[in-house]
N, C-alpha and C. Protein backbone atom coordinates (compact mmCIF):
# COMPACT_ATOMS: atom_id res chain seq x y z
N UNK A 1 -39.67 -27.78 -65.97
CA UNK A 1 -40.34 -27.48 -64.71
C UNK A 1 -40.51 -25.97 -64.59
N UNK A 2 -41.64 -25.57 -64.08
CA UNK A 2 -41.93 -24.16 -63.87
C UNK A 2 -40.92 -23.55 -62.89
N UNK A 3 -40.41 -22.38 -63.22
CA UNK A 3 -39.37 -21.73 -62.42
C UNK A 3 -39.82 -21.50 -60.98
N UNK A 4 -41.05 -21.06 -60.81
CA UNK A 4 -41.56 -20.78 -59.46
C UNK A 4 -41.62 -22.06 -58.62
N UNK A 5 -42.02 -23.14 -59.23
CA UNK A 5 -42.08 -24.44 -58.52
C UNK A 5 -40.67 -24.89 -58.13
N UNK A 6 -39.73 -24.75 -59.05
CA UNK A 6 -38.34 -25.13 -58.77
C UNK A 6 -37.79 -24.32 -57.60
N UNK A 7 -38.05 -23.02 -57.58
CA UNK A 7 -37.59 -22.16 -56.48
C UNK A 7 -38.20 -22.60 -55.16
N UNK A 8 -39.46 -22.97 -55.18
CA UNK A 8 -40.15 -23.44 -53.96
C UNK A 8 -39.48 -24.71 -53.43
N UNK A 9 -39.15 -25.62 -54.31
CA UNK A 9 -38.50 -26.87 -53.89
C UNK A 9 -37.11 -26.59 -53.36
N UNK A 10 -36.38 -25.71 -54.01
CA UNK A 10 -35.03 -25.36 -53.55
C UNK A 10 -35.07 -24.71 -52.17
N UNK A 11 -36.05 -23.83 -51.94
CA UNK A 11 -36.21 -23.24 -50.60
C UNK A 11 -36.49 -24.33 -49.57
N UNK A 12 -37.33 -25.29 -49.94
CA UNK A 12 -37.64 -26.40 -49.04
C UNK A 12 -36.36 -27.16 -48.68
N UNK A 13 -35.52 -27.42 -49.67
CA UNK A 13 -34.27 -28.16 -49.43
C UNK A 13 -33.38 -27.40 -48.45
N UNK A 14 -33.21 -26.09 -48.65
CA UNK A 14 -32.40 -25.30 -47.71
C UNK A 14 -33.03 -25.27 -46.33
N UNK A 15 -34.34 -25.17 -46.25
CA UNK A 15 -35.03 -25.20 -44.96
C UNK A 15 -34.78 -26.54 -44.24
N UNK A 16 -34.77 -27.63 -45.00
CA UNK A 16 -34.53 -28.94 -44.41
C UNK A 16 -33.11 -29.03 -43.84
N UNK A 17 -32.13 -28.52 -44.58
CA UNK A 17 -30.76 -28.49 -44.05
C UNK A 17 -30.71 -27.68 -42.75
N UNK A 18 -31.37 -26.52 -42.74
CA UNK A 18 -31.38 -25.69 -41.53
C UNK A 18 -32.06 -26.42 -40.37
N UNK A 19 -33.20 -27.04 -40.66
CA UNK A 19 -33.96 -27.76 -39.64
C UNK A 19 -33.13 -28.88 -39.02
N UNK A 20 -32.39 -29.60 -39.87
CA UNK A 20 -31.57 -30.72 -39.39
C UNK A 20 -30.25 -30.23 -38.79
N UNK A 21 -29.90 -28.97 -39.03
CA UNK A 21 -28.67 -28.41 -38.46
C UNK A 21 -27.42 -29.04 -39.02
N UNK A 22 -27.48 -29.46 -40.28
CA UNK A 22 -26.36 -30.13 -40.90
C UNK A 22 -26.20 -29.65 -42.33
N UNK A 23 -24.96 -29.65 -42.82
CA UNK A 23 -24.73 -29.29 -44.21
C UNK A 23 -24.60 -30.53 -45.09
N UNK A 24 -24.85 -31.70 -44.49
CA UNK A 24 -24.79 -32.96 -45.25
C UNK A 24 -25.95 -33.85 -44.82
N UNK A 25 -26.69 -34.36 -45.81
CA UNK A 25 -27.82 -35.24 -45.55
C UNK A 25 -27.80 -36.41 -46.52
N UNK A 26 -28.31 -37.54 -46.06
CA UNK A 26 -28.56 -38.63 -46.99
C UNK A 26 -29.66 -38.20 -47.95
N UNK A 27 -29.50 -38.50 -49.22
CA UNK A 27 -30.53 -38.15 -50.20
C UNK A 27 -31.86 -38.77 -49.79
N UNK A 28 -31.82 -39.98 -49.25
CA UNK A 28 -33.04 -40.67 -48.81
C UNK A 28 -33.78 -39.86 -47.75
N UNK A 29 -33.04 -39.19 -46.87
CA UNK A 29 -33.67 -38.35 -45.85
C UNK A 29 -34.48 -37.22 -46.50
N UNK A 30 -33.93 -36.65 -47.55
CA UNK A 30 -34.63 -35.58 -48.24
C UNK A 30 -35.87 -36.13 -48.93
N UNK A 31 -35.72 -37.25 -49.63
CA UNK A 31 -36.86 -37.86 -50.32
C UNK A 31 -37.97 -38.26 -49.35
N UNK A 32 -37.59 -38.78 -48.19
CA UNK A 32 -38.57 -39.26 -47.22
C UNK A 32 -39.17 -38.13 -46.37
N UNK A 33 -38.63 -36.93 -46.47
CA UNK A 33 -39.04 -35.84 -45.58
C UNK A 33 -40.36 -35.19 -45.96
N UNK A 34 -40.82 -35.42 -47.19
CA UNK A 34 -42.03 -34.73 -47.63
C UNK A 34 -42.78 -35.55 -48.67
N UNK A 35 -44.07 -35.36 -48.68
CA UNK A 35 -44.90 -35.93 -49.73
C UNK A 35 -45.36 -34.84 -50.69
N UNK A 36 -44.96 -33.59 -50.39
CA UNK A 36 -45.39 -32.46 -51.20
C UNK A 36 -44.71 -32.40 -52.57
N UNK A 37 -43.52 -32.99 -52.65
CA UNK A 37 -42.76 -32.96 -53.89
C UNK A 37 -42.38 -34.38 -54.28
N UNK A 38 -42.41 -34.66 -55.56
CA UNK A 38 -42.00 -35.99 -56.03
C UNK A 38 -40.48 -36.09 -55.97
N UNK A 39 -39.99 -37.32 -55.92
CA UNK A 39 -38.54 -37.54 -55.93
C UNK A 39 -37.91 -36.94 -57.18
N UNK A 40 -38.60 -37.06 -58.31
CA UNK A 40 -38.07 -36.50 -59.56
C UNK A 40 -37.93 -34.99 -59.47
N UNK A 41 -38.90 -34.32 -58.85
CA UNK A 41 -38.80 -32.87 -58.67
C UNK A 41 -37.66 -32.49 -57.74
N UNK A 42 -37.47 -33.27 -56.68
CA UNK A 42 -36.35 -33.02 -55.77
C UNK A 42 -35.02 -33.19 -56.50
N UNK A 43 -34.92 -34.22 -57.34
CA UNK A 43 -33.69 -34.44 -58.10
C UNK A 43 -33.45 -33.27 -59.06
N UNK A 44 -34.49 -32.76 -59.69
CA UNK A 44 -34.34 -31.59 -60.57
C UNK A 44 -33.80 -30.40 -59.78
N UNK A 45 -34.30 -30.22 -58.57
CA UNK A 45 -33.81 -29.13 -57.73
C UNK A 45 -32.36 -29.36 -57.32
N UNK A 46 -32.01 -30.60 -56.97
CA UNK A 46 -30.60 -30.92 -56.67
C UNK A 46 -29.72 -30.53 -57.85
N UNK A 47 -30.14 -30.92 -59.05
CA UNK A 47 -29.35 -30.66 -60.25
C UNK A 47 -29.18 -29.17 -60.49
N UNK A 48 -30.25 -28.40 -60.30
CA UNK A 48 -30.17 -26.95 -60.48
C UNK A 48 -29.23 -26.33 -59.45
N UNK A 49 -29.37 -26.74 -58.19
CA UNK A 49 -28.51 -26.21 -57.14
C UNK A 49 -27.05 -26.61 -57.34
N UNK A 50 -26.85 -27.77 -57.94
CA UNK A 50 -25.49 -28.27 -58.17
C UNK A 50 -24.85 -27.64 -59.40
N UNK A 51 -25.53 -27.69 -60.51
CA UNK A 51 -24.92 -27.29 -61.78
C UNK A 51 -25.00 -25.80 -62.05
N UNK A 52 -26.12 -25.18 -61.72
CA UNK A 52 -26.30 -23.76 -62.03
C UNK A 52 -25.78 -22.86 -60.91
N UNK A 53 -26.11 -23.20 -59.68
CA UNK A 53 -25.81 -22.33 -58.55
C UNK A 53 -24.57 -22.74 -57.75
N UNK A 54 -24.10 -23.98 -57.93
CA UNK A 54 -22.92 -24.48 -57.20
C UNK A 54 -23.09 -24.38 -55.68
N UNK A 55 -24.31 -24.67 -55.23
CA UNK A 55 -24.61 -24.60 -53.81
C UNK A 55 -24.70 -25.97 -53.15
N UNK A 56 -24.65 -27.01 -53.95
CA UNK A 56 -24.87 -28.36 -53.45
C UNK A 56 -24.03 -29.33 -54.27
N UNK A 57 -23.60 -30.40 -53.63
CA UNK A 57 -22.87 -31.47 -54.30
C UNK A 57 -23.53 -32.79 -53.94
N UNK A 58 -23.67 -33.66 -54.93
CA UNK A 58 -24.20 -35.01 -54.69
C UNK A 58 -23.09 -36.01 -54.93
N UNK A 59 -23.04 -37.03 -54.09
CA UNK A 59 -22.02 -38.07 -54.25
C UNK A 59 -22.48 -39.34 -53.56
N UNK A 60 -21.79 -40.43 -53.87
CA UNK A 60 -22.06 -41.71 -53.24
C UNK A 60 -20.83 -42.12 -52.45
N UNK A 61 -21.05 -42.54 -51.23
CA UNK A 61 -19.94 -43.01 -50.38
C UNK A 61 -20.40 -44.28 -49.68
N UNK A 62 -19.66 -45.35 -49.90
CA UNK A 62 -19.95 -46.64 -49.28
C UNK A 62 -21.40 -47.07 -49.51
N UNK A 63 -21.88 -46.83 -50.72
CA UNK A 63 -23.21 -47.27 -51.11
C UNK A 63 -24.35 -46.35 -50.71
N UNK A 64 -24.05 -45.24 -50.05
CA UNK A 64 -25.09 -44.29 -49.64
C UNK A 64 -24.98 -43.03 -50.49
N UNK A 65 -26.13 -42.52 -50.93
CA UNK A 65 -26.17 -41.29 -51.71
C UNK A 65 -26.33 -40.11 -50.76
N UNK A 66 -25.46 -39.12 -50.91
CA UNK A 66 -25.44 -37.95 -50.04
C UNK A 66 -25.66 -36.68 -50.83
N UNK A 67 -26.23 -35.67 -50.19
CA UNK A 67 -26.26 -34.30 -50.70
C UNK A 67 -25.58 -33.43 -49.66
N UNK A 68 -24.63 -32.64 -50.12
CA UNK A 68 -23.84 -31.80 -49.22
C UNK A 68 -23.83 -30.38 -49.75
N UNK A 69 -24.02 -29.44 -48.87
CA UNK A 69 -23.93 -28.05 -49.26
C UNK A 69 -22.47 -27.68 -49.49
N UNK A 70 -22.22 -26.92 -50.55
CA UNK A 70 -20.89 -26.36 -50.76
C UNK A 70 -20.69 -25.26 -49.71
N UNK A 71 -19.48 -24.73 -49.56
CA UNK A 71 -19.31 -23.62 -48.62
C UNK A 71 -20.26 -22.46 -48.90
N UNK A 72 -20.49 -22.16 -50.17
CA UNK A 72 -21.43 -21.09 -50.53
C UNK A 72 -22.86 -21.45 -50.13
N UNK A 73 -23.24 -22.71 -50.36
CA UNK A 73 -24.57 -23.17 -49.98
C UNK A 73 -24.76 -23.16 -48.47
N UNK A 74 -23.72 -23.56 -47.75
CA UNK A 74 -23.80 -23.56 -46.29
C UNK A 74 -23.91 -22.13 -45.77
N UNK A 75 -23.17 -21.20 -46.37
CA UNK A 75 -23.29 -19.79 -45.97
C UNK A 75 -24.70 -19.29 -46.22
N UNK A 76 -25.25 -19.62 -47.38
CA UNK A 76 -26.61 -19.21 -47.73
C UNK A 76 -27.62 -19.76 -46.72
N UNK A 77 -27.40 -20.99 -46.29
CA UNK A 77 -28.31 -21.63 -45.34
C UNK A 77 -28.02 -21.24 -43.89
N UNK A 78 -26.89 -20.56 -43.67
CA UNK A 78 -26.52 -20.17 -42.31
C UNK A 78 -25.94 -21.32 -41.51
N UNK A 79 -25.26 -22.25 -42.19
CA UNK A 79 -24.67 -23.42 -41.55
C UNK A 79 -23.17 -23.47 -41.81
N UNK A 80 -22.47 -24.28 -41.03
CA UNK A 80 -21.07 -24.55 -41.29
C UNK A 80 -20.95 -25.66 -42.30
N UNK A 81 -20.03 -25.54 -43.25
CA UNK A 81 -19.82 -26.57 -44.27
C UNK A 81 -19.15 -27.78 -43.65
N UNK A 82 -19.39 -28.96 -44.24
CA UNK A 82 -18.74 -30.19 -43.82
C UNK A 82 -17.25 -30.07 -44.12
N UNK A 83 -16.42 -30.52 -43.21
CA UNK A 83 -14.99 -30.38 -43.41
C UNK A 83 -14.33 -31.65 -43.95
N UNK A 84 -15.12 -32.64 -44.36
CA UNK A 84 -14.53 -33.86 -44.91
C UNK A 84 -13.71 -33.54 -46.14
N UNK A 85 -12.49 -34.03 -46.20
CA UNK A 85 -11.60 -33.71 -47.31
C UNK A 85 -12.11 -34.27 -48.63
N UNK A 86 -12.82 -35.41 -48.61
CA UNK A 86 -13.30 -35.98 -49.87
C UNK A 86 -14.40 -35.12 -50.49
N UNK A 87 -15.07 -34.33 -49.69
CA UNK A 87 -16.12 -33.47 -50.21
C UNK A 87 -15.51 -32.18 -50.78
N UNK A 88 -14.48 -31.68 -50.15
CA UNK A 88 -13.91 -30.41 -50.55
C UNK A 88 -13.37 -30.42 -51.98
N UNK A 89 -12.96 -31.57 -52.48
CA UNK A 89 -12.35 -31.62 -53.79
C UNK A 89 -13.25 -32.21 -54.87
N UNK A 90 -14.52 -32.41 -54.56
CA UNK A 90 -15.44 -32.89 -55.58
C UNK A 90 -15.66 -31.79 -56.60
N UNK A 91 -15.84 -32.16 -57.83
CA UNK A 91 -16.20 -31.19 -58.84
C UNK A 91 -17.50 -31.63 -59.49
N UNK A 92 -18.18 -30.69 -60.11
CA UNK A 92 -19.49 -31.02 -60.68
C UNK A 92 -19.40 -32.12 -61.73
N UNK A 93 -20.46 -32.89 -61.84
CA UNK A 93 -20.46 -33.98 -62.82
C UNK A 93 -20.47 -33.40 -64.22
N UNK A 94 -19.88 -34.17 -65.15
CA UNK A 94 -19.93 -33.78 -66.55
C UNK A 94 -21.32 -34.08 -67.07
N UNK A 95 -21.78 -33.24 -67.93
CA UNK A 95 -23.10 -33.44 -68.52
C UNK A 95 -23.09 -34.71 -69.35
N UNK A 96 -24.15 -35.47 -69.29
CA UNK A 96 -24.24 -36.71 -70.07
C UNK A 96 -24.83 -36.47 -71.43
N UNK A 97 -25.21 -35.21 -71.70
CA UNK A 97 -25.79 -34.90 -73.00
C UNK A 97 -24.78 -34.31 -73.93
């Protein structure tokens, strides 16, 4: 993916967190929020923010997929981080490659 496009999508994701006033969103909310980006492009941005920048964490809880800003991501977005204990101890996924 082109670097400029990826940066644009990542800015959109942070703007969405700010707009919703939350550091945790259902992944479905992000996918349904725009037609400007494909779900695959949004997932690529999630992966970049998670693995490279450590600003976001993805997880599944009770069958729902969530995206949560890390404390650093929440600071960057100007939001308070989620205080759920199960989120605080998540670590990045191991690469499948």
